[in-house]
Amino acid sequence: MTTLKLMLAGSLTAALCACGSGNVKDINTTATEGFKNKEDLYVVDCKLPGQMMRLGNMQYLAPRRATRTTAVDCRIRGGEYVEYDRADYRSALGVWLPPAQEGDAEAQNYVGEIYEKGIGGSPDYQQAAQWYKKAADQGNSRAQLNLGYFYEKGLGVEANMPLALNYYRQASGISDDNLVLSSQAKAELDKTKKALTKALQQSKIQSQLLATQIKQLKEEREQLPDPEQMEALQELHKNTLAEKANLEAELDSLKLVYRGFEKTDQTVSESTLTAAESRKVKNMDFGRYYALIIGNQDYLYLDDLRSPIRDAERLKSVLENKYGFTTLLLQDASEKAILNTINNFYSQITKDDNLLIFYAGHGETSTASTSQKQRGYWLPIDAQDQNISSWINNAVISDHLDRIKARSILVLADSCYAGGLGAEQSSLLFGLGGSNFNEAVIKSGLSKRARVVISSGGNKPVLDGTSQHNSIFTKALIDALEGNDTLLKDSDLFSHLAINVSDVSAKLKMPQTPEMRPIREAGHEGGTFYFLPQKSTL
């Protein structure tokens, strides 16, 4: 790990990814009771024993059941699993393929995700797309979102923006009447539309030229008796007509996507609810709000940071006092403390609740794993340089976020390389929204699972604060939350803080660009995380 300290006179500037040797200090050992090893807290693919069933006077053993749970929970329930540090996706496939072949939609989606991650290190996008399609056809919203992502990026299928948008729309539950696009998403579709129109025009010209040549050959048949040439031209003309028909169909599909939001008054608004709109949704249940706030600052073996604890305490105050969150603050926490706390939310949080996780501390990337895929890591207080066994893998975090039943989970990560927790950025996935921020649109955002990360600088190094000031990311975050007085959705929060962070970092000559990404591996289904002030007019 390269030591990186960025010092600018009179400003808040030390890079969060700074690291190095230091004196050994006391470690936070709270929230670790009940587990012998940190590996007990990893989520595994578990085969539970079949339940003993009774039919009349006859007893029989039901088939074994597949589930995703922690290693310790799997053992307690008598389950079978491959230990996490030796597991690869072949073992996961062995757990989920049988129920998938029997038609279980959830299992089919998991099989798709296994093939997408890769067996033996190589993704099989075509197989993944096939399994996503099976689950999506049964209405599995997570599979619909995954398949939409594949069509947007051209993974295992031919890229098709209109079809991608339709799958995203199905997953999010947004109707045609309430569908609009963000400016970035609309730009992508505009680009596709222009390309299709150009290709169609070229196809029409080619078709006309071929038709003219065929006509000329027919007229000159007696002078040029060449049936093979005629047959070849007719076949080429037939193929051109078929291509032209396909282009026309795709363009028609794109025009349907545009229906309803081509008008100038239907662009996405970045503003929050007005008082009049607020009254329309007074009786809606947004659930309970929890926050896990982690500030890792005084490291045992790495360079200390300057602002994480100050950042964590300030955010805790805002969330509690203005938004009514129940908060839990971890200062200088170990991997075991962090994972055990996150795991405890599984039994405390219901499907109607919301969870915000804030992490400020060191972050890193590495490809030193069985899959050789570059992964991001959070570095707990006892992390050691160049020793990933003491780091927290993004995959471990996303596994827990997938397992927690919360309706919406928002991760705010102020660390280097934090964007790796989410999937590649999608212009469409966060481009869906309501043409009016009304009750129907809000209910749509509440009806689906949300798993989203807003990172301070994507997959790049970011700036720390000073002992007297918050980091530029946390300051922008707190300013946005404190300045809001009504219902605020995650994408609007991101818009506010991203502009401020970019402006301030540019002035410091250290550009930093926040990113908002879906955490697909944690089961994002197109939902929205809402902030609702306690004194809101809502």
Protein backbone atom coordinates (compact mmCIF):
# COMPACT_ATOMS: atom_id res chain seq x y z
CA MET A 1 0.00 0.00 0.00
CA THR A 2 1.55 3.31 -1.01
CA THR A 3 1.73 6.00 1.62
CA LEU A 4 -0.15 9.06 0.40
CA LYS A 5 -0.20 12.28 2.42
CA LEU A 6 -1.52 15.40 0.73
CA MET A 7 -0.74 18.59 2.62
CA LEU A 8 -2.00 21.95 1.43
CA ALA A 9 -1.33 25.03 3.58
CA GLY A 10 -4.37 26.37 5.41
CA SER A 11 -6.75 23.70 4.03
CA LEU A 12 -8.24 20.36 4.99
CA THR A 13 -6.07 17.89 3.14
CA ALA A 14 -4.66 14.50 4.06
CA ALA A 15 -5.59 11.61 1.82
CA LEU A 16 -7.80 9.04 3.49
CA CYS A 17 -5.85 6.20 1.99
CA ALA A 18 -2.69 7.26 3.83
CA CYS A 19 -1.12 4.39 5.73
CA GLY A 20 2.06 3.38 7.49
CA SER A 21 3.55 2.00 10.66
CA GLY A 22 2.56 3.21 14.10
CA ASN A 23 2.47 2.28 17.75
CA VAL A 24 0.18 -0.54 18.86
CA LYS A 25 -2.84 0.83 20.78
CA ASP A 26 -5.86 -0.51 22.60
CA ILE A 27 -8.51 -1.96 20.33
CA ASN A 28 -12.27 -1.68 20.51
CA THR A 29 -13.59 -5.12 21.44
CA THR A 30 -17.26 -4.28 21.87
CA ALA A 31 -19.98 -6.19 20.05
CA THR A 32 -17.90 -9.35 19.68
CA GLU A 33 -19.42 -11.66 22.25
CA GLY A 34 -20.75 -15.03 21.15
CA PHE A 35 -18.36 -15.67 18.27
CA LYS A 36 -15.07 -17.53 18.34
CA ASN A 37 -13.79 -16.30 14.99
CA LYS A 38 -14.59 -13.44 12.64
CA GLU A 39 -15.23 -16.06 9.94
CA ASP A 40 -18.35 -17.05 11.92
CA LEU A 41 -19.84 -13.73 10.78
CA TYR A 42 -19.33 -14.33 7.05
CA VAL A 43 -22.41 -15.13 4.99
CA VAL A 44 -22.31 -18.59 3.39
CA ASP A 45 -24.51 -20.66 1.09
CA CYS A 46 -26.05 -23.11 3.53
CA LYS A 47 -27.90 -26.39 2.96
CA LEU A 48 -30.29 -26.80 5.86
CA PRO A 49 -31.51 -30.29 6.79
CA GLY A 50 -35.00 -31.21 5.71
CA GLN A 51 -37.78 -30.75 8.24
CA MET A 52 -39.63 -33.72 9.68
CA MET A 53 -43.16 -33.56 8.27
CA ARG A 54 -46.29 -35.48 9.25
CA LEU A 55 -49.13 -36.54 6.97
CA GLY A 56 -51.78 -38.31 9.00
CA ASN A 57 -50.00 -41.10 10.85
CA MET A 58 -47.05 -41.05 8.46
CA GLN A 59 -43.82 -39.12 9.02
CA TYR A 60 -41.39 -38.19 6.28
CA LEU A 61 -38.35 -35.97 5.82
CA ALA A 62 -38.81 -32.95 3.55
CA PRO A 63 -36.06 -32.06 1.03
CA ARG A 64 -33.10 -30.00 2.18
CA ARG A 65 -33.45 -26.24 1.86
CA ALA A 66 -30.98 -23.67 0.53
CA THR A 67 -30.49 -20.37 2.31
CA ARG A 68 -27.90 -17.63 2.77
CA THR A 69 -26.96 -17.04 6.39
CA THR A 70 -23.92 -16.61 8.61
CA ALA A 71 -21.59 -19.53 9.15
CA VAL A 72 -22.41 -19.72 12.86
CA ASP A 73 -26.16 -19.69 12.17
CA CYS A 74 -25.76 -22.45 9.59
CA ARG A 75 -23.91 -24.61 12.12
CA ILE A 76 -26.44 -23.96 14.88
CA ARG A 77 -29.26 -25.05 12.57
CA GLY A 78 -27.42 -28.21 11.55
CA GLY A 79 -26.65 -26.99 8.05
CA GLU A 80 -23.88 -27.86 5.64
CA TYR A 81 -21.61 -25.27 4.01
CA VAL A 82 -18.16 -24.73 2.56
CA GLU A 83 -16.09 -22.45 4.77
CA TYR A 84 -15.85 -18.94 3.35
CA ASP A 85 -12.08 -18.74 3.01
CA ARG A 86 -12.01 -21.95 0.97
CA ALA A 87 -15.28 -21.51 -0.86
CA ASP A 88 -15.56 -20.71 -4.54
CA TYR A 89 -18.61 -20.24 -6.69
CA ARG A 90 -18.71 -23.94 -7.59
CA SER A 91 -19.81 -24.74 -4.06
CA ALA A 92 -22.43 -21.99 -4.20
CA LEU A 93 -23.70 -23.38 -7.50
CA GLY A 94 -24.09 -26.80 -5.90
CA VAL A 95 -26.41 -25.27 -3.30
CA TRP A 96 -28.63 -23.20 -5.59
CA LEU A 97 -28.74 -25.09 -8.91
CA PRO A 98 -31.12 -27.90 -7.79
CA PRO A 99 -33.92 -25.56 -6.60
CA ALA A 100 -33.31 -23.34 -9.64
CA GLN A 101 -33.84 -26.29 -11.96
CA GLU A 102 -37.09 -27.00 -10.12
CA GLY A 103 -38.32 -23.51 -10.98
CA ASP A 104 -37.56 -21.51 -7.82
CA ALA A 105 -37.23 -17.89 -9.05
CA GLU A 106 -35.02 -16.73 -6.18
CA ALA A 107 -32.66 -19.66 -6.75
CA GLN A 108 -32.64 -18.97 -10.51
CA ASN A 109 -31.53 -15.41 -9.85
CA TYR A 110 -28.80 -16.60 -7.48
CA VAL A 111 -27.55 -19.02 -10.14
CA GLY A 112 -27.44 -16.12 -12.59
CA GLU A 113 -25.40 -14.09 -10.12
CA ILE A 114 -23.03 -17.01 -9.60
CA TYR A 115 -22.39 -17.28 -13.34
CA GLU A 116 -21.98 -13.51 -13.55
CA LYS A 117 -19.33 -13.54 -10.81
CA GLY A 118 -17.60 -16.40 -12.57
CA ILE A 119 -16.83 -20.03 -11.83
CA GLY A 120 -13.08 -20.41 -11.75
CA GLY A 121 -12.61 -16.68 -12.17
CA SER A 122 -14.23 -16.26 -15.60
CA PRO A 123 -17.74 -14.75 -15.82
CA ASP A 124 -20.23 -16.55 -18.08
CA TYR A 125 -22.56 -13.71 -19.00
CA GLN A 126 -24.62 -15.75 -21.46
CA GLN A 127 -25.47 -18.37 -18.85
CA ALA A 128 -26.14 -15.62 -16.33
CA ALA A 129 -28.52 -13.87 -18.73
CA GLN A 130 -30.43 -17.10 -19.36
CA TRP A 131 -31.00 -17.69 -15.66
CA TYR A 132 -31.92 -14.06 -15.06
CA LYS A 133 -34.48 -14.37 -17.86
CA LYS A 134 -36.06 -17.45 -16.24
CA ALA A 135 -36.43 -15.64 -12.92
CA ALA A 136 -37.51 -12.34 -14.50
CA ASP A 137 -40.28 -14.10 -16.42
CA GLN A 138 -41.65 -15.23 -13.04
CA GLY A 139 -41.75 -11.62 -11.82
CA ASN A 140 -38.60 -11.68 -9.68
CA SER A 141 -37.75 -7.97 -9.48
CA ARG A 142 -34.10 -8.55 -8.59
CA ALA A 143 -33.67 -10.66 -11.71
CA GLN A 144 -35.52 -8.06 -13.79
CA LEU A 145 -33.07 -5.43 -12.61
CA ASN A 146 -30.09 -7.71 -13.29
CA LEU A 147 -31.36 -8.48 -16.78
CA GLY A 148 -31.98 -4.80 -17.46
CA TYR A 149 -28.40 -4.08 -16.45
CA PHE A 150 -27.17 -6.76 -18.86
CA TYR A 151 -29.16 -5.23 -21.75
CA GLU A 152 -27.86 -1.78 -20.88
CA LYS A 153 -24.21 -2.91 -20.79
CA GLY A 154 -24.42 -5.60 -23.50
CA LEU A 155 -23.34 -8.43 -21.17
CA GLY A 156 -24.27 -11.86 -22.54
CA VAL A 157 -26.95 -10.27 -24.72
CA GLU A 158 -26.95 -7.65 -27.45
CA ALA A 159 -27.13 -4.17 -25.95
CA ASN A 160 -30.68 -2.86 -26.14
CA MET A 161 -31.44 0.37 -24.28
CA PRO A 162 -35.25 0.29 -24.71
CA LEU A 163 -35.40 -3.29 -23.42
CA ALA A 164 -33.09 -2.40 -20.53
CA LEU A 165 -35.38 0.46 -19.57
CA ASN A 166 -38.44 -1.78 -19.74
CA TYR A 167 -36.86 -4.30 -17.36
CA TYR A 168 -35.83 -1.51 -14.99
CA ARG A 169 -39.37 -0.20 -15.14
CA GLN A 170 -40.80 -3.63 -14.31
CA ALA A 171 -38.40 -4.02 -11.38
CA SER A 172 -39.18 -0.59 -9.95
CA GLY A 173 -42.93 -0.80 -10.51
CA ILE A 174 -43.09 2.65 -12.11
CA SER A 175 -45.96 3.04 -14.58
CA ASP A 176 -45.72 4.70 -17.99
CA ASP A 177 -47.66 7.71 -16.72
CA ASN A 178 -45.16 8.39 -13.94
CA LEU A 179 -42.00 7.56 -15.86
CA VAL A 180 -39.42 10.18 -16.72
CA LEU A 181 -35.69 10.13 -17.40
CA SER A 182 -32.78 11.96 -15.92
CA SER A 183 -30.81 14.12 -18.34
CA GLN A 184 -28.01 11.53 -18.48
CA ALA A 185 -30.38 8.66 -19.21
CA LYS A 186 -32.22 10.69 -21.85
CA ALA A 187 -28.89 11.53 -23.49
CA GLU A 188 -28.08 7.81 -23.73
CA LEU A 189 -31.43 7.08 -25.38
CA ASP A 190 -31.02 10.06 -27.70
CA LYS A 191 -27.69 8.62 -28.79
CA THR A 192 -29.27 5.22 -29.42
CA LYS A 193 -32.15 6.79 -31.33
CA LYS A 194 -29.80 8.73 -33.62
CA ALA A 195 -27.72 5.61 -34.30
CA LEU A 196 -30.83 3.57 -35.13
CA THR A 197 -32.20 6.30 -37.38
CA LYS A 198 -28.90 6.55 -39.25
CA ALA A 199 -28.67 2.76 -39.65
CA LEU A 200 -32.27 2.63 -40.88
CA GLN A 201 -31.61 5.33 -43.47
CA GLN A 202 -28.55 3.45 -44.71
CA SER A 203 -30.56 0.24 -44.85
CA LYS A 204 -33.28 1.93 -46.89
CA ILE A 205 -30.72 3.30 -49.35
CA GLN A 206 -29.08 -0.13 -49.70
CA SER A 207 -32.47 -1.77 -50.19
CA GLN A 208 -33.39 0.72 -52.92
CA LEU A 209 -30.06 0.20 -54.71
CA LEU A 210 -30.46 -3.58 -54.62
CA ALA A 211 -34.02 -3.34 -55.90
CA THR A 212 -32.79 -1.18 -58.79
CA GLN A 213 -30.03 -3.66 -59.65
CA ILE A 214 -32.46 -6.57 -59.60
CA LYS A 215 -34.84 -4.68 -61.88
CA GLN A 216 -32.01 -3.92 -64.31
CA LEU A 217 -30.88 -7.55 -64.35
CA LYS A 218 -34.40 -8.72 -65.08
CA GLU A 219 -34.61 -6.32 -68.01
CA GLU A 220 -31.22 -7.47 -69.31
CA ARG A 221 -31.80 -11.16 -68.65
CA GLU A 222 -31.49 -12.12 -72.33
CA GLN A 223 -28.21 -10.26 -72.71
CA LEU A 224 -26.79 -11.36 -69.32
CA PRO A 225 -28.12 -14.84 -68.48
CA ASP A 226 -26.55 -15.27 -65.04
CA PRO A 227 -29.07 -16.97 -62.70
CA GLU A 228 -26.50 -17.27 -59.87
CA GLN A 229 -25.88 -13.53 -59.87
CA MET A 230 -29.63 -12.90 -59.85
CA GLU A 231 -30.18 -15.35 -57.00
CA ALA A 232 -27.36 -13.81 -54.94
CA LEU A 233 -28.76 -10.32 -55.39
CA GLN A 234 -32.26 -11.43 -54.46
CA GLU A 235 -30.94 -13.13 -51.30
CA LEU A 236 -28.99 -10.01 -50.38
CA HIS A 237 -32.08 -7.90 -50.95
CA LYS A 238 -34.13 -10.23 -48.77
CA ASN A 239 -31.60 -9.97 -45.93
CA THR A 240 -31.49 -6.20 -46.27
CA LEU A 241 -35.27 -6.00 -46.03
CA ALA A 242 -35.17 -8.19 -42.91
CA GLU A 243 -32.52 -5.95 -41.34
CA LYS A 244 -34.59 -2.91 -42.26
CA ALA A 245 -37.64 -4.47 -40.57
CA ASN A 246 -35.64 -5.21 -37.40
CA LEU A 247 -34.33 -1.65 -37.29
CA GLU A 248 -37.82 -0.25 -37.76
CA ALA A 249 -39.13 -2.46 -34.94
CA GLU A 250 -36.33 -1.39 -32.59
CA LEU A 251 -36.88 2.26 -33.46
CA ASP A 252 -40.61 1.86 -32.86
CA SER A 253 -39.82 0.33 -29.47
CA LEU A 254 -37.61 3.28 -28.66
CA LYS A 255 -40.38 5.67 -29.63
CA LEU A 256 -42.69 3.90 -27.19
CA VAL A 257 -40.11 4.45 -24.47
CA TYR A 258 -40.11 8.15 -25.29
CA ARG A 259 -43.88 8.36 -25.08
CA GLY A 260 -44.94 10.47 -22.14
CA PHE A 261 -41.67 12.14 -21.31
CA GLU A 262 -40.61 14.00 -24.46
CA LYS A 263 -42.46 17.12 -23.29
CA THR A 264 -40.33 19.86 -21.76
CA ASP A 265 -42.31 19.86 -18.52
CA GLN A 266 -41.46 16.22 -17.80
CA THR A 267 -37.74 16.41 -17.07
CA VAL A 268 -36.61 15.18 -13.68
CA SER A 269 -36.76 17.87 -11.04
CA GLU A 270 -33.88 18.02 -8.58
CA SER A 271 -35.96 19.94 -6.04
CA THR A 272 -37.70 18.47 -3.01
CA LEU A 273 -41.42 18.33 -2.25
CA THR A 274 -43.45 21.48 -2.15
CA ALA A 275 -45.86 21.99 0.75
CA ALA A 276 -48.84 21.22 -1.47
CA GLU A 277 -47.36 17.92 -2.62
CA SER A 278 -46.39 17.02 0.92
CA ARG A 279 -49.97 16.96 2.10
CA LYS A 280 -50.87 14.30 -0.45
CA VAL A 281 -48.74 11.68 1.27
CA LYS A 282 -49.36 12.35 4.97
CA ASN A 283 -50.68 8.87 5.74
CA MET A 284 -47.80 6.90 4.23
CA ASP A 285 -45.67 4.69 6.48
CA PHE A 286 -41.97 5.21 5.87
CA GLY A 287 -40.95 2.73 8.55
CA ARG A 288 -38.35 3.13 11.26
CA TYR A 289 -34.93 4.63 10.65
CA TYR A 290 -31.66 3.18 11.94
CA ALA A 291 -28.08 4.31 11.38
CA LEU A 292 -24.76 2.57 11.97
CA ILE A 293 -22.06 5.25 12.02
CA ILE A 294 -18.43 4.10 11.89
CA GLY A 295 -15.49 6.44 12.41
CA ASN A 296 -12.07 4.77 12.22
CA GLN A 297 -9.32 7.26 12.97
CA ASP A 298 -6.61 6.04 15.37
CA TYR A 299 -5.22 2.98 13.57
CA LEU A 300 -3.02 0.37 15.22
CA TYR A 301 -0.65 -0.27 12.31
CA LEU A 302 -1.53 2.35 9.66
CA ASP A 303 -1.27 6.12 9.54
CA ASP A 304 -3.88 7.83 11.67
CA LEU A 305 -6.56 9.97 10.06
CA ARG A 306 -7.78 13.35 11.27
CA SER A 307 -11.52 13.74 10.88
CA PRO A 308 -13.47 10.40 10.87
CA ILE A 309 -14.55 10.56 14.54
CA ARG A 310 -15.50 14.22 14.25
CA ASP A 311 -17.38 13.39 11.02
CA ALA A 312 -19.19 10.46 12.64
CA GLU A 313 -20.25 12.41 15.73
CA ARG A 314 -21.54 15.35 13.68
CA LEU A 315 -23.58 13.12 11.37
CA LYS A 316 -24.96 11.20 14.36
CA SER A 317 -26.27 14.44 15.84
CA VAL A 318 -27.98 15.53 12.61
CA LEU A 319 -29.62 12.16 11.99
CA GLU A 320 -30.91 11.86 15.56
CA ASN A 321 -32.09 15.40 16.12
CA LYS A 322 -33.44 16.37 12.72
CA TYR A 323 -34.49 13.06 11.16
CA GLY A 324 -35.36 10.87 14.15
CA PHE A 325 -32.88 8.08 13.47
CA THR A 326 -31.97 5.52 16.10
CA THR A 327 -28.18 5.55 15.82
CA LEU A 328 -25.28 3.36 16.87
CA LEU A 329 -21.80 4.88 16.82
CA LEU A 330 -18.66 2.73 16.48
CA GLN A 331 -15.38 4.53 17.02
CA ASP A 332 -12.11 2.87 16.04
CA ALA A 333 -13.80 -0.47 15.44
CA SER A 334 -12.29 -3.84 14.55
CA GLU A 335 -13.51 -6.08 11.75
CA LYS A 336 -15.23 -8.33 14.27
CA ALA A 337 -17.03 -5.41 15.91
CA ILE A 338 -18.20 -4.00 12.57
CA LEU A 339 -19.43 -7.31 11.16
CA ASN A 340 -21.09 -8.39 14.40
CA THR A 341 -22.95 -5.08 14.62
CA ILE A 342 -24.14 -5.33 11.01
CA ASN A 343 -25.14 -8.95 11.58
CA ASN A 344 -27.22 -7.97 14.63
CA PHE A 345 -29.40 -5.78 12.42
CA TYR A 346 -30.72 -8.97 10.79
CA SER A 347 -32.85 -9.76 13.84
CA GLN A 348 -33.67 -6.14 14.73
CA ILE A 349 -34.77 -4.61 11.43
CA THR A 350 -38.00 -5.46 9.60
CA LYS A 351 -38.86 -5.36 5.91
CA ASP A 352 -40.51 -1.95 6.38
CA ASP A 353 -37.49 -0.29 8.01
CA ASN A 354 -34.55 1.70 6.71
CA LEU A 355 -30.85 1.44 7.50
CA LEU A 356 -28.12 3.99 6.83
CA ILE A 357 -24.49 2.93 7.19
CA PHE A 358 -21.81 5.62 7.29
CA TYR A 359 -18.15 4.61 7.10
CA ALA A 360 -15.23 7.00 7.43
CA GLY A 361 -11.76 5.46 7.50
CA HIS A 362 -9.06 3.92 5.38
CA GLY A 363 -9.99 2.08 2.18
CA GLU A 364 -7.99 -0.05 -0.26
CA THR A 365 -8.21 -2.27 -3.34
CA SER A 366 -6.59 -5.60 -4.12
CA THR A 367 -6.78 -8.46 -6.59
CA ALA A 368 -5.25 -10.95 -4.15
CA SER A 369 -8.22 -13.31 -4.04
CA THR A 370 -9.30 -16.57 -5.62
CA SER A 371 -11.31 -14.81 -8.35
CA GLN A 372 -8.50 -12.33 -9.24
CA LYS A 373 -11.21 -9.70 -9.57
CA GLN A 374 -10.24 -6.35 -8.11
CA ARG A 375 -12.13 -5.77 -4.91
CA GLY A 376 -12.51 -2.81 -2.60
CA TYR A 377 -12.00 -3.06 1.15
CA TRP A 378 -12.82 -1.16 4.31
CA LEU A 379 -9.86 -1.17 6.67
CA PRO A 380 -10.80 -1.79 10.32
CA ILE A 381 -8.75 -0.31 13.12
CA ASP A 382 -6.52 -3.40 13.34
CA ALA A 383 -5.84 -3.62 9.59
CA GLN A 384 -2.26 -4.28 8.56
CA ASP A 385 -0.46 -3.05 5.47
CA GLN A 386 -0.45 -5.57 2.59
CA ASN A 387 -2.40 -8.12 4.66
CA ILE A 388 -5.90 -8.47 3.20
CA SER A 389 -6.85 -11.09 5.80
CA SER A 390 -7.25 -8.17 8.21
CA TRP A 391 -9.37 -6.10 5.78
CA ILE A 392 -13.16 -6.18 5.21
CA ASN A 393 -13.99 -7.27 1.67
CA ASN A 394 -16.81 -5.41 -0.11
CA ALA A 395 -18.32 -8.80 -0.93
CA VAL A 396 -18.65 -9.58 2.79
CA ILE A 397 -20.43 -6.26 3.35
CA SER A 398 -22.80 -6.70 0.40
CA ASP A 399 -23.63 -10.26 1.52
CA HIS A 400 -24.83 -8.89 4.86
CA LEU A 401 -26.77 -6.04 3.22
CA ASP A 402 -28.51 -8.62 1.03
CA ARG A 403 -29.46 -10.71 4.06
CA ILE A 404 -30.81 -7.84 6.17
CA LYS A 405 -34.57 -7.54 5.65
CA ALA A 406 -34.66 -3.71 5.55
CA ARG A 407 -36.70 -2.11 2.80
CA SER A 408 -33.96 0.40 2.02
CA ILE A 409 -30.27 0.57 2.86
CA LEU A 410 -28.05 3.52 2.01
CA VAL A 411 -24.29 3.30 2.47
CA LEU A 412 -22.41 6.59 2.73
CA ALA A 413 -18.72 5.75 2.40
CA ASP A 414 -16.08 8.42 2.95
CA SER A 415 -12.93 6.47 2.15
CA CYS A 416 -10.59 5.74 -0.71
CA TYR A 417 -11.91 3.35 -3.39
CA ALA A 418 -15.33 3.13 -1.74
CA GLY A 419 -17.24 3.09 -5.03
CA GLY A 420 -16.29 -0.55 -5.59
CA LEU A 421 -19.05 -1.63 -3.21
CA GLY A 422 -21.56 -0.84 -5.96
CA ALA A 423 -21.96 -1.99 -9.53
CA GLU A 424 -20.70 -0.06 -12.54
CA GLN A 425 -22.52 3.24 -12.91
CA SER A 426 -25.76 3.04 -14.88
CA SER A 427 -27.32 5.97 -16.71
CA LEU A 428 -30.71 4.25 -16.66
CA LEU A 429 -30.82 2.57 -13.26
CA PHE A 430 -30.98 5.86 -11.40
CA GLY A 431 -32.59 7.64 -14.33
CA LEU A 432 -36.08 6.46 -13.47
CA GLY A 433 -38.25 8.70 -11.42
CA GLY A 434 -41.68 10.21 -11.15
CA SER A 435 -42.87 12.98 -13.43
CA ASN A 436 -44.47 14.42 -10.30
CA PHE A 437 -43.16 13.75 -6.80
CA ASN A 438 -46.59 12.59 -5.69
CA GLU A 439 -48.02 9.82 -3.56
CA ALA A 440 -47.96 7.22 -6.33
CA VAL A 441 -44.32 7.88 -7.14
CA ILE A 442 -43.27 7.86 -3.48
CA LYS A 443 -45.15 4.61 -2.85
CA SER A 444 -43.38 3.12 -5.86
CA GLY A 445 -40.03 4.05 -4.31
CA LEU A 446 -41.12 2.47 -1.03
CA SER A 447 -42.43 -0.72 -2.61
CA LYS A 448 -39.05 -2.09 -3.76
CA ARG A 449 -35.79 -2.87 -2.01
CA ALA A 450 -33.13 -0.18 -2.23
CA ARG A 451 -29.44 -1.01 -1.80
CA VAL A 452 -27.37 2.03 -2.76
CA VAL A 453 -23.89 3.39 -2.05
CA ILE A 454 -22.87 7.03 -2.28
CA SER A 455 -19.08 7.16 -2.16
CA SER A 456 -16.91 10.19 -1.59
CA GLY A 457 -14.73 9.62 -4.65
CA GLY A 458 -15.65 6.48 -6.55
CA ASN A 459 -12.68 4.14 -6.97
CA LYS A 460 -10.07 6.82 -6.34
CA PRO A 461 -8.23 8.31 -3.35
CA VAL A 462 -10.10 11.01 -1.43
CA LEU A 463 -9.31 13.82 1.00
CA ASP A 464 -9.37 13.65 4.79
CA GLY A 465 -10.33 16.64 6.90
CA THR A 466 -8.33 18.22 9.72
CA SER A 467 -8.60 17.98 13.49
CA GLN A 468 -10.76 21.12 13.39
CA HIS A 469 -12.81 20.49 10.25
CA ASN A 470 -14.92 17.74 8.70
CA SER A 471 -13.87 16.09 5.45
CA ILE A 472 -15.22 17.86 2.38
CA PHE A 473 -17.56 14.94 1.67
CA THR A 474 -19.03 14.81 5.17
CA LYS A 475 -19.36 18.59 5.32
CA ALA A 476 -21.28 18.60 2.02
CA LEU A 477 -23.42 15.72 3.28
CA ILE A 478 -24.28 17.45 6.56
CA ASP A 479 -24.93 20.78 4.82
CA ALA A 480 -27.40 19.07 2.47
CA LEU A 481 -29.20 17.30 5.33
CA GLU A 482 -29.32 20.35 7.58
CA GLY A 483 -30.56 22.56 4.76
CA ASN A 484 -33.45 20.25 3.92
CA ASP A 485 -36.90 20.68 5.49
CA THR A 486 -39.05 18.16 3.65
CA LEU A 487 -38.99 14.70 2.04
CA LEU A 488 -35.60 14.10 0.41
CA LYS A 489 -34.72 11.11 -1.74
CA ASP A 490 -31.26 9.58 -2.06
CA SER A 491 -30.62 10.81 -5.61
CA ASP A 492 -31.45 14.42 -4.67
CA LEU A 493 -29.12 14.20 -1.67
CA PHE A 494 -26.40 12.94 -4.00
CA SER A 495 -26.98 15.80 -6.45
CA HIS A 496 -26.54 18.39 -3.71
CA LEU A 497 -23.41 16.96 -2.12
CA ALA A 498 -21.72 15.96 -5.41
CA ILE A 499 -21.75 19.54 -6.67
CA ASN A 500 -20.32 20.90 -3.42
CA VAL A 501 -17.59 18.25 -3.16
CA SER A 502 -16.52 18.75 -6.77
CA ASP A 503 -16.37 22.53 -6.37
CA VAL A 504 -14.39 22.51 -3.11
CA SER A 505 -11.93 19.80 -4.22
CA ALA A 506 -11.32 21.64 -7.51
CA LYS A 507 -10.35 24.76 -5.57
CA LEU A 508 -7.90 22.64 -3.57
CA LYS A 509 -6.38 21.38 -6.85
CA MET A 510 -7.31 17.82 -5.81
CA PRO A 511 -10.38 16.88 -7.88
CA GLN A 512 -12.74 14.51 -6.09
CA THR A 513 -15.95 13.26 -7.69
CA PRO A 514 -18.56 11.43 -5.56
CA GLU A 515 -20.47 8.57 -7.15
CA MET A 516 -23.85 6.96 -6.56
CA ARG A 517 -24.14 3.30 -7.51
CA PRO A 518 -26.61 0.47 -7.02
CA ILE A 519 -25.34 -2.41 -4.88
CA ARG A 520 -26.62 -5.15 -7.20
CA GLU A 521 -24.94 -7.92 -5.21
CA ALA A 522 -26.97 -6.84 -2.18
CA GLY A 523 -30.26 -7.13 -4.06
CA HIS A 524 -31.06 -3.58 -5.18
CA GLU A 525 -34.47 -3.65 -6.87
CA GLY A 526 -34.91 -0.03 -7.89
CA GLY A 527 -36.31 1.31 -4.62
CA THR A 528 -35.53 4.68 -3.03
CA PHE A 529 -34.09 5.70 0.33
CA TYR A 530 -36.04 8.67 1.73
CA PHE A 531 -35.01 11.15 4.41
CA LEU A 532 -38.00 12.54 6.33
CA PRO A 533 -37.33 15.39 8.81
CA GLN A 534 -39.24 15.14 12.08
CA LYS A 535 -40.63 18.66 11.63
CA SER A 536 -41.44 18.19 7.96
CA THR A 537 -44.75 19.42 6.55
CA LEU A 538 -45.23 15.92 5.18
